[in-house]
mmCIF file of all heavy atoms, coordinates in Angstrom:
data_MODEL
# 
_entry.id   MODEL 
# 
loop_
_atom_site.group_PDB 
_atom_site.id 
_atom_site.type_symbol 
_atom_site.label_atom_id 
_atom_site.label_alt_id 
_atom_site.label_comp_id 
_atom_site.label_asym_id 
_atom_site.label_entity_id 
_atom_site.label_seq_id 
_atom_site.pdbx_PDB_ins_code 
_atom_site.Cartn_x 
_atom_site.Cartn_y 
_atom_site.Cartn_z 
_atom_site.occupancy 
_atom_site.B_iso_or_equiv 
_atom_site.pdbx_formal_charge 
_atom_site.auth_seq_id 
_atom_site.auth_comp_id 
_atom_site.auth_asym_id 
_atom_site.auth_atom_id 
_atom_site.pdbx_PDB_model_num 
ATOM 1   N N   . ILE A 1 1  ? 286.118 194.570 6.083  1.00 0.00 ? 1  ILE A N   1 
ATOM 2   C CA  . ILE A 1 1  ? 286.640 195.301 4.918  1.00 0.00 ? 1  ILE A CA  1 
ATOM 3   C C   . ILE A 1 1  ? 285.515 195.595 3.933  1.00 0.00 ? 1  ILE A C   1 
ATOM 4   O O   . ILE A 1 1  ? 285.428 196.690 3.360  1.00 0.00 ? 1  ILE A O   1 
ATOM 5   C CB  . ILE A 1 1  ? 287.763 194.493 4.232  1.00 0.00 ? 1  ILE A CB  1 
ATOM 6   C CG1 . ILE A 1 1  ? 289.003 194.428 5.137  1.00 0.00 ? 1  ILE A CG1 1 
ATOM 7   C CG2 . ILE A 1 1  ? 288.137 195.101 2.882  1.00 0.00 ? 1  ILE A CG2 1 
ATOM 8   C CD1 . ILE A 1 1  ? 290.044 193.425 4.667  1.00 0.00 ? 1  ILE A CD1 1 
ATOM 9   N N   . SER A 1 2  ? 284.642 194.605 3.742  1.00 0.00 ? 2  SER A N   1 
ATOM 10  C CA  . SER A 1 2  ? 283.510 194.808 2.831  1.00 0.00 ? 2  SER A CA  1 
ATOM 11  C C   . SER A 1 2  ? 282.583 195.904 3.353  1.00 0.00 ? 2  SER A C   1 
ATOM 12  O O   . SER A 1 2  ? 282.094 196.734 2.583  1.00 0.00 ? 2  SER A O   1 
ATOM 13  C CB  . SER A 1 2  ? 282.739 193.495 2.653  1.00 0.00 ? 2  SER A CB  1 
ATOM 14  O OG  . SER A 1 2  ? 281.986 193.169 3.808  1.00 0.00 ? 2  SER A OG  1 
ATOM 15  N N   . LEU A 1 3  ? 282.338 195.923 4.667  1.00 0.00 ? 3  LEU A N   1 
ATOM 16  C CA  . LEU A 1 3  ? 281.473 196.959 5.247  1.00 0.00 ? 3  LEU A CA  1 
ATOM 17  C C   . LEU A 1 3  ? 282.144 198.327 5.183  1.00 0.00 ? 3  LEU A C   1 
ATOM 18  O O   . LEU A 1 3  ? 281.479 199.346 4.955  1.00 0.00 ? 3  LEU A O   1 
ATOM 19  C CB  . LEU A 1 3  ? 281.138 196.595 6.691  1.00 0.00 ? 3  LEU A CB  1 
ATOM 20  C CG  . LEU A 1 3  ? 280.278 197.603 7.462  1.00 0.00 ? 3  LEU A CG  1 
ATOM 21  C CD1 . LEU A 1 3  ? 278.930 197.805 6.777  1.00 0.00 ? 3  LEU A CD1 1 
ATOM 22  C CD2 . LEU A 1 3  ? 280.069 197.140 8.902  1.00 0.00 ? 3  LEU A CD2 1 
ATOM 23  N N   . ASN A 1 4  ? 283.455 198.366 5.373  1.00 0.00 ? 4  ASN A N   1 
ATOM 24  C CA  . ASN A 1 4  ? 284.180 199.639 5.352  1.00 0.00 ? 4  ASN A CA  1 
ATOM 25  C C   . ASN A 1 4  ? 284.070 200.328 3.995  1.00 0.00 ? 4  ASN A C   1 
ATOM 26  O O   . ASN A 1 4  ? 284.098 201.558 3.918  1.00 0.00 ? 4  ASN A O   1 
ATOM 27  C CB  . ASN A 1 4  ? 285.656 199.389 5.682  1.00 0.00 ? 4  ASN A CB  1 
ATOM 28  C CG  . ASN A 1 4  ? 286.455 200.673 5.790  1.00 0.00 ? 4  ASN A CG  1 
ATOM 29  O OD1 . ASN A 1 4  ? 286.073 201.601 6.483  1.00 0.00 ? 4  ASN A OD1 1 
ATOM 30  N ND2 . ASN A 1 4  ? 287.584 200.719 5.087  1.00 0.00 ? 4  ASN A ND2 1 
ATOM 31  N N   . LEU A 1 5  ? 283.928 199.541 2.944  1.00 0.00 ? 5  LEU A N   1 
ATOM 32  C CA  . LEU A 1 5  ? 283.808 200.123 1.606  1.00 0.00 ? 5  LEU A CA  1 
ATOM 33  C C   . LEU A 1 5  ? 282.602 201.040 1.507  1.00 0.00 ? 5  LEU A C   1 
ATOM 34  O O   . LEU A 1 5  ? 282.679 202.129 0.921  1.00 0.00 ? 5  LEU A O   1 
ATOM 35  C CB  . LEU A 1 5  ? 283.718 199.012 0.552  1.00 0.00 ? 5  LEU A CB  1 
ATOM 36  C CG  . LEU A 1 5  ? 283.587 199.456 -0.900 1.00 0.00 ? 5  LEU A CG  1 
ATOM 37  C CD1 . LEU A 1 5  ? 284.813 200.243 -1.334 1.00 0.00 ? 5  LEU A CD1 1 
ATOM 38  C CD2 . LEU A 1 5  ? 283.384 198.242 -1.812 1.00 0.00 ? 5  LEU A CD2 1 
ATOM 39  N N   . ILE A 1 6  ? 281.471 200.620 2.102  1.00 0.00 ? 6  ILE A N   1 
ATOM 40  C CA  . ILE A 1 6  ? 280.263 201.450 2.019  1.00 0.00 ? 6  ILE A CA  1 
ATOM 41  C C   . ILE A 1 6  ? 280.102 202.363 3.228  1.00 0.00 ? 6  ILE A C   1 
ATOM 42  O O   . ILE A 1 6  ? 279.561 203.455 3.115  1.00 0.00 ? 6  ILE A O   1 
ATOM 43  C CB  . ILE A 1 6  ? 278.993 200.580 1.842  1.00 0.00 ? 6  ILE A CB  1 
ATOM 44  C CG1 . ILE A 1 6  ? 278.810 199.617 3.020  1.00 0.00 ? 6  ILE A CG1 1 
ATOM 45  C CG2 . ILE A 1 6  ? 279.051 199.827 0.525  1.00 0.00 ? 6  ILE A CG2 1 
ATOM 46  C CD1 . ILE A 1 6  ? 277.483 198.865 2.988  1.00 0.00 ? 6  ILE A CD1 1 
ATOM 47  N N   . LEU A 1 7  ? 280.592 201.927 4.395  1.00 0.00 ? 7  LEU A N   1 
ATOM 48  C CA  . LEU A 1 7  ? 280.456 202.749 5.602  1.00 0.00 ? 7  LEU A CA  1 
ATOM 49  C C   . LEU A 1 7  ? 281.548 203.804 5.694  1.00 0.00 ? 7  LEU A C   1 
ATOM 50  O O   . LEU A 1 7  ? 281.267 204.988 5.877  1.00 0.00 ? 7  LEU A O   1 
ATOM 51  C CB  . LEU A 1 7  ? 280.486 201.840 6.840  1.00 0.00 ? 7  LEU A CB  1 
ATOM 52  C CG  . LEU A 1 7  ? 280.521 202.520 8.210  1.00 0.00 ? 7  LEU A CG  1 
ATOM 53  C CD1 . LEU A 1 7  ? 279.307 203.415 8.392  1.00 0.00 ? 7  LEU A CD1 1 
ATOM 54  C CD2 . LEU A 1 7  ? 280.594 201.481 9.316  1.00 0.00 ? 7  LEU A CD2 1 
ATOM 55  N N   . GLY A 1 8  ? 282.793 203.368 5.549  1.00 0.00 ? 8  GLY A N   1 
ATOM 56  C CA  . GLY A 1 8  ? 283.906 204.294 5.710  1.00 0.00 ? 8  GLY A CA  1 
ATOM 57  C C   . GLY A 1 8  ? 284.078 205.251 4.553  1.00 0.00 ? 8  GLY A C   1 
ATOM 58  O O   . GLY A 1 8  ? 284.444 206.414 4.744  1.00 0.00 ? 8  GLY A O   1 
ATOM 59  N N   . TYR A 1 9  ? 283.820 204.779 3.325  1.00 0.00 ? 9  TYR A N   1 
ATOM 60  C CA  . TYR A 1 9  ? 284.048 205.619 2.151  1.00 0.00 ? 9  TYR A CA  1 
ATOM 61  C C   . TYR A 1 9  ? 282.753 206.162 1.547  1.00 0.00 ? 9  TYR A C   1 
ATOM 62  O O   . TYR A 1 9  ? 282.776 207.213 0.921  1.00 0.00 ? 9  TYR A O   1 
ATOM 63  C CB  . TYR A 1 9  ? 284.817 204.825 1.092  1.00 0.00 ? 9  TYR A CB  1 
ATOM 64  C CG  . TYR A 1 9  ? 286.213 204.472 1.528  1.00 0.00 ? 9  TYR A CG  1 
ATOM 65  C CD1 . TYR A 1 9  ? 286.528 203.189 1.937  1.00 0.00 ? 9  TYR A CD1 1 
ATOM 66  C CD2 . TYR A 1 9  ? 287.211 205.439 1.568  1.00 0.00 ? 9  TYR A CD2 1 
ATOM 67  C CE1 . TYR A 1 9  ? 287.810 202.860 2.362  1.00 0.00 ? 9  TYR A CE1 1 
ATOM 68  C CE2 . TYR A 1 9  ? 288.492 205.133 1.986  1.00 0.00 ? 9  TYR A CE2 1 
ATOM 69  C CZ  . TYR A 1 9  ? 288.785 203.837 2.387  1.00 0.00 ? 9  TYR A CZ  1 
ATOM 70  O OH  . TYR A 1 9  ? 290.053 203.526 2.821  1.00 0.00 ? 9  TYR A OH  1 
ATOM 71  N N   . GLY A 1 10 ? 281.655 205.423 1.735  1.00 0.00 ? 10 GLY A N   1 
ATOM 72  C CA  . GLY A 1 10 ? 280.387 205.880 1.163  1.00 0.00 ? 10 GLY A CA  1 
ATOM 73  C C   . GLY A 1 10 ? 279.426 206.486 2.155  1.00 0.00 ? 10 GLY A C   1 
ATOM 74  O O   . GLY A 1 10 ? 278.396 207.050 1.760  1.00 0.00 ? 10 GLY A O   1 
ATOM 75  N N   . GLY A 1 11 ? 279.733 206.371 3.454  1.00 0.00 ? 11 GLY A N   1 
ATOM 76  C CA  . GLY A 1 11 ? 278.853 206.936 4.466  1.00 0.00 ? 11 GLY A CA  1 
ATOM 77  C C   . GLY A 1 11 ? 277.532 206.203 4.611  1.00 0.00 ? 11 GLY A C   1 
ATOM 78  O O   . GLY A 1 11 ? 276.579 206.760 5.158  1.00 0.00 ? 11 GLY A O   1 
ATOM 79  N N   . MET A 1 12 ? 277.472 204.943 4.149  1.00 0.00 ? 12 MET A N   1 
ATOM 80  C CA  . MET A 1 12 ? 276.239 204.152 4.231  1.00 0.00 ? 12 MET A CA  1 
ATOM 81  C C   . MET A 1 12 ? 276.312 203.221 5.441  1.00 0.00 ? 12 MET A C   1 
ATOM 82  O O   . MET A 1 12 ? 277.052 202.229 5.420  1.00 0.00 ? 12 MET A O   1 
ATOM 83  C CB  . MET A 1 12 ? 276.035 203.341 2.944  1.00 0.00 ? 12 MET A CB  1 
ATOM 84  C CG  . MET A 1 12 ? 275.800 204.188 1.712  1.00 0.00 ? 12 MET A CG  1 
ATOM 85  S SD  . MET A 1 12 ? 275.790 203.216 0.181  1.00 0.00 ? 12 MET A SD  1 
ATOM 86  C CE  . MET A 1 12 ? 277.523 203.284 -0.284 1.00 0.00 ? 12 MET A CE  1 
ATOM 87  N N   . VAL A 1 13 ? 275.572 203.540 6.491  1.00 0.00 ? 13 VAL A N   1 
ATOM 88  C CA  . VAL A 1 13 ? 275.617 202.771 7.734  1.00 0.00 ? 13 VAL A CA  1 
ATOM 89  C C   . VAL A 1 13 ? 274.658 201.590 7.616  1.00 0.00 ? 13 VAL A C   1 
ATOM 90  O O   . VAL A 1 13 ? 273.474 201.696 7.934  1.00 0.00 ? 13 VAL A O   1 
ATOM 91  C CB  . VAL A 1 13 ? 275.261 203.649 8.952  1.00 0.00 ? 13 VAL A CB  1 
ATOM 92  C CG1 . VAL A 1 13 ? 275.470 202.869 10.250 1.00 0.00 ? 13 VAL A CG1 1 
ATOM 93  C CG2 . VAL A 1 13 ? 276.081 204.921 8.957  1.00 0.00 ? 13 VAL A CG2 1 
ATOM 94  N N   . SER A 1 14 ? 275.178 200.469 7.163  1.00 0.00 ? 14 SER A N   1 
ATOM 95  C CA  . SER A 1 14 ? 274.365 199.260 7.004  1.00 0.00 ? 14 SER A CA  1 
ATOM 96  C C   . SER A 1 14 ? 274.357 198.477 8.313  1.00 0.00 ? 14 SER A C   1 
ATOM 97  O O   . SER A 1 14 ? 275.403 198.013 8.763  1.00 0.00 ? 14 SER A O   1 
ATOM 98  C CB  . SER A 1 14 ? 274.918 198.385 5.874  1.00 0.00 ? 14 SER A CB  1 
ATOM 99  O OG  . SER A 1 14 ? 274.236 197.147 5.838  1.00 0.00 ? 14 SER A OG  1 
ATOM 100 N N   . PHE A 1 15 ? 273.177 198.330 8.904  1.00 0.00 ? 15 PHE A N   1 
ATOM 101 C CA  . PHE A 1 15 ? 273.059 197.584 10.150 1.00 0.00 ? 15 PHE A CA  1 
ATOM 102 C C   . PHE A 1 15 ? 272.524 196.174 9.878  1.00 0.00 ? 15 PHE A C   1 
ATOM 103 O O   . PHE A 1 15 ? 272.050 195.498 10.793 1.00 0.00 ? 15 PHE A O   1 
ATOM 104 C CB  . PHE A 1 15 ? 272.138 198.304 11.133 1.00 0.00 ? 15 PHE A CB  1 
ATOM 105 C CG  . PHE A 1 15 ? 272.448 198.021 12.563 1.00 0.00 ? 15 PHE A CG  1 
ATOM 106 C CD1 . PHE A 1 15 ? 273.646 198.424 13.121 1.00 0.00 ? 15 PHE A CD1 1 
ATOM 107 C CD2 . PHE A 1 15 ? 271.544 197.346 13.358 1.00 0.00 ? 15 PHE A CD2 1 
ATOM 108 C CE1 . PHE A 1 15 ? 273.941 198.155 14.447 1.00 0.00 ? 15 PHE A CE1 1 
ATOM 109 C CE2 . PHE A 1 15 ? 271.825 197.074 14.690 1.00 0.00 ? 15 PHE A CE2 1 
ATOM 110 C CZ  . PHE A 1 15 ? 273.026 197.486 15.231 1.00 0.00 ? 15 PHE A CZ  1 
ATOM 111 N N   . GLY A 1 16 ? 272.633 195.742 8.628  1.00 0.00 ? 16 GLY A N   1 
ATOM 112 C CA  . GLY A 1 16 ? 272.174 194.404 8.293  1.00 0.00 ? 16 GLY A CA  1 
ATOM 113 C C   . GLY A 1 16 ? 273.159 193.672 7.406  1.00 0.00 ? 16 GLY A C   1 
ATOM 114 O O   . GLY A 1 16 ? 272.786 192.785 6.638  1.00 0.00 ? 16 GLY A O   1 
ATOM 115 N N   . HIS A 1 17 ? 274.445 194.030 7.526  1.00 0.00 ? 17 HIS A N   1 
ATOM 116 C CA  . HIS A 1 17 ? 275.442 193.447 6.632  1.00 0.00 ? 17 HIS A CA  1 
ATOM 117 C C   . HIS A 1 17 ? 275.699 191.974 6.923  1.00 0.00 ? 17 HIS A C   1 
ATOM 118 O O   . HIS A 1 17 ? 276.221 191.250 6.072  1.00 0.00 ? 17 HIS A O   1 
ATOM 119 C CB  . HIS A 1 17 ? 276.751 194.234 6.713  1.00 0.00 ? 17 HIS A CB  1 
ATOM 120 C CG  . HIS A 1 17 ? 277.376 194.464 5.377  1.00 0.00 ? 17 HIS A CG  1 
ATOM 121 N ND1 . HIS A 1 17 ? 276.737 195.120 4.351  1.00 0.00 ? 17 HIS A ND1 1 
ATOM 122 C CD2 . HIS A 1 17 ? 278.585 194.100 4.873  1.00 0.00 ? 17 HIS A CD2 1 
ATOM 123 C CE1 . HIS A 1 17 ? 277.521 195.166 3.297  1.00 0.00 ? 17 HIS A CE1 1 
ATOM 124 N NE2 . HIS A 1 17 ? 278.636 194.545 3.581  1.00 0.00 ? 17 HIS A NE2 1 
ATOM 125 N N   . ALA A 1 18 ? 275.325 191.529 8.123  1.00 0.00 ? 18 ALA A N   1 
ATOM 126 C CA  . ALA A 1 18 ? 275.476 190.109 8.452  1.00 0.00 ? 18 ALA A CA  1 
ATOM 127 C C   . ALA A 1 18 ? 274.603 189.235 7.561  1.00 0.00 ? 18 ALA A C   1 
ATOM 128 O O   . ALA A 1 18 ? 274.833 188.023 7.459  1.00 0.00 ? 18 ALA A O   1 
ATOM 129 C CB  . ALA A 1 18 ? 275.123 189.869 9.921  1.00 0.00 ? 18 ALA A CB  1 
ATOM 130 N N   . LEU A 1 19 ? 273.612 189.833 6.921  1.00 0.00 ? 19 LEU A N   1 
ATOM 131 C CA  . LEU A 1 19 ? 272.757 189.088 5.988  1.00 0.00 ? 19 LEU A CA  1 
ATOM 132 C C   . LEU A 1 19 ? 273.598 188.347 4.959  1.00 0.00 ? 19 LEU A C   1 
ATOM 133 O O   . LEU A 1 19 ? 273.364 187.161 4.674  1.00 0.00 ? 19 LEU A O   1 
ATOM 134 C CB  . LEU A 1 19 ? 271.802 190.065 5.293  1.00 0.00 ? 19 LEU A CB  1 
ATOM 135 C CG  . LEU A 1 19 ? 271.159 189.616 3.971  1.00 0.00 ? 19 LEU A CG  1 
ATOM 136 C CD1 . LEU A 1 19 ? 270.288 188.385 4.182  1.00 0.00 ? 19 LEU A CD1 1 
ATOM 137 C CD2 . LEU A 1 19 ? 270.342 190.755 3.367  1.00 0.00 ? 19 LEU A CD2 1 
ATOM 138 N N   . TYR A 1 20 ? 274.603 189.004 4.402  1.00 0.00 ? 20 TYR A N   1 
ATOM 139 C CA  . TYR A 1 20 ? 275.387 188.417 3.318  1.00 0.00 ? 20 TYR A CA  1 
ATOM 140 C C   . TYR A 1 20 ? 276.392 187.398 3.849  1.00 0.00 ? 20 TYR A C   1 
ATOM 141 O O   . TYR A 1 20 ? 276.693 186.414 3.164  1.00 0.00 ? 20 TYR A O   1 
ATOM 142 C CB  . TYR A 1 20 ? 276.067 189.534 2.534  1.00 0.00 ? 20 TYR A CB  1 
ATOM 143 C CG  . TYR A 1 20 ? 275.071 190.574 2.091  1.00 0.00 ? 20 TYR A CG  1 
ATOM 144 C CD1 . TYR A 1 20 ? 274.984 191.802 2.743  1.00 0.00 ? 20 TYR A CD1 1 
ATOM 145 C CD2 . TYR A 1 20 ? 274.160 190.294 1.074  1.00 0.00 ? 20 TYR A CD2 1 
ATOM 146 C CE1 . TYR A 1 20 ? 274.027 192.733 2.373  1.00 0.00 ? 20 TYR A CE1 1 
ATOM 147 C CE2 . TYR A 1 20 ? 273.203 191.227 0.703  1.00 0.00 ? 20 TYR A CE2 1 
ATOM 148 C CZ  . TYR A 1 20 ? 273.138 192.442 1.354  1.00 0.00 ? 20 TYR A CZ  1 
ATOM 149 O OH  . TYR A 1 20 ? 272.185 193.352 0.996  1.00 0.00 ? 20 TYR A OH  1 
ATOM 150 N N   . MET A 1 21 ? 276.854 187.614 5.055  1.00 0.00 ? 21 MET A N   1 
ATOM 151 C CA  . MET A 1 21 ? 277.730 186.623 5.674  1.00 0.00 ? 21 MET A CA  1 
ATOM 152 C C   . MET A 1 21 ? 276.949 185.333 5.937  1.00 0.00 ? 21 MET A C   1 
ATOM 153 O O   . MET A 1 21 ? 277.424 184.233 5.654  1.00 0.00 ? 21 MET A O   1 
ATOM 154 C CB  . MET A 1 21 ? 278.298 187.182 6.979  1.00 0.00 ? 21 MET A CB  1 
ATOM 155 C CG  . MET A 1 21 ? 279.437 186.357 7.556  1.00 0.00 ? 21 MET A CG  1 
ATOM 156 S SD  . MET A 1 21 ? 280.258 187.240 8.884  1.00 0.00 ? 21 MET A SD  1 
ATOM 157 C CE  . MET A 1 21 ? 281.552 186.048 9.279  1.00 0.00 ? 21 MET A CE  1 
ATOM 158 N N   . GLY A 1 22 ? 275.740 185.474 6.468  1.00 0.00 ? 22 GLY A N   1 
ATOM 159 C CA  . GLY A 1 22 ? 274.899 184.307 6.694  1.00 0.00 ? 22 GLY A CA  1 
ATOM 160 C C   . GLY A 1 22 ? 274.474 183.641 5.401  1.00 0.00 ? 22 GLY A C   1 
ATOM 161 O O   . GLY A 1 22 ? 274.385 182.408 5.319  1.00 0.00 ? 22 GLY A O   1 
ATOM 162 N N   . LEU A 1 23 ? 274.227 184.449 4.371  1.00 0.00 ? 23 LEU A N   1 
ATOM 163 C CA  . LEU A 1 23 ? 273.824 183.906 3.081  1.00 0.00 ? 23 LEU A CA  1 
ATOM 164 C C   . LEU A 1 23 ? 274.936 183.050 2.483  1.00 0.00 ? 23 LEU A C   1 
ATOM 165 O O   . LEU A 1 23 ? 274.695 181.955 1.963  1.00 0.00 ? 23 LEU A O   1 
ATOM 166 C CB  . LEU A 1 23 ? 273.472 185.058 2.136  1.00 0.00 ? 23 LEU A CB  1 
ATOM 167 C CG  . LEU A 1 23 ? 272.714 184.708 0.857  1.00 0.00 ? 23 LEU A CG  1 
ATOM 168 C CD1 . LEU A 1 23 ? 271.376 184.071 1.192  1.00 0.00 ? 23 LEU A CD1 1 
ATOM 169 C CD2 . LEU A 1 23 ? 272.503 185.959 0.015  1.00 0.00 ? 23 LEU A CD2 1 
ATOM 170 N N   . GLY A 1 24 ? 276.171 183.529 2.575  1.00 0.00 ? 24 GLY A N   1 
ATOM 171 C CA  . GLY A 1 24 ? 277.302 182.749 2.084  1.00 0.00 ? 24 GLY A CA  1 
ATOM 172 C C   . GLY A 1 24 ? 277.464 181.446 2.823  1.00 0.00 ? 24 GLY A C   1 
ATOM 173 O O   . GLY A 1 24 ? 277.764 180.401 2.230  1.00 0.00 ? 24 GLY A O   1 
ATOM 174 N N   . ALA A 1 25 ? 277.243 181.470 4.138  1.00 0.00 ? 25 ALA A N   1 
ATOM 175 C CA  . ALA A 1 25 ? 277.348 180.246 4.938  1.00 0.00 ? 25 ALA A CA  1 
ATOM 176 C C   . ALA A 1 25 ? 276.262 179.247 4.560  1.00 0.00 ? 25 ALA A C   1 
ATOM 177 O O   . ALA A 1 25 ? 276.512 178.038 4.439  1.00 0.00 ? 25 ALA A O   1 
ATOM 178 C CB  . ALA A 1 25 ? 277.260 180.594 6.421  1.00 0.00 ? 25 ALA A CB  1 
# 
């Protein structure tokens, strides 16, 4: 859902979004 905000609605194809998931962990 977090990625869809920038990819689906903003057209920003982030191929490093796992960075923030790992950072939270």
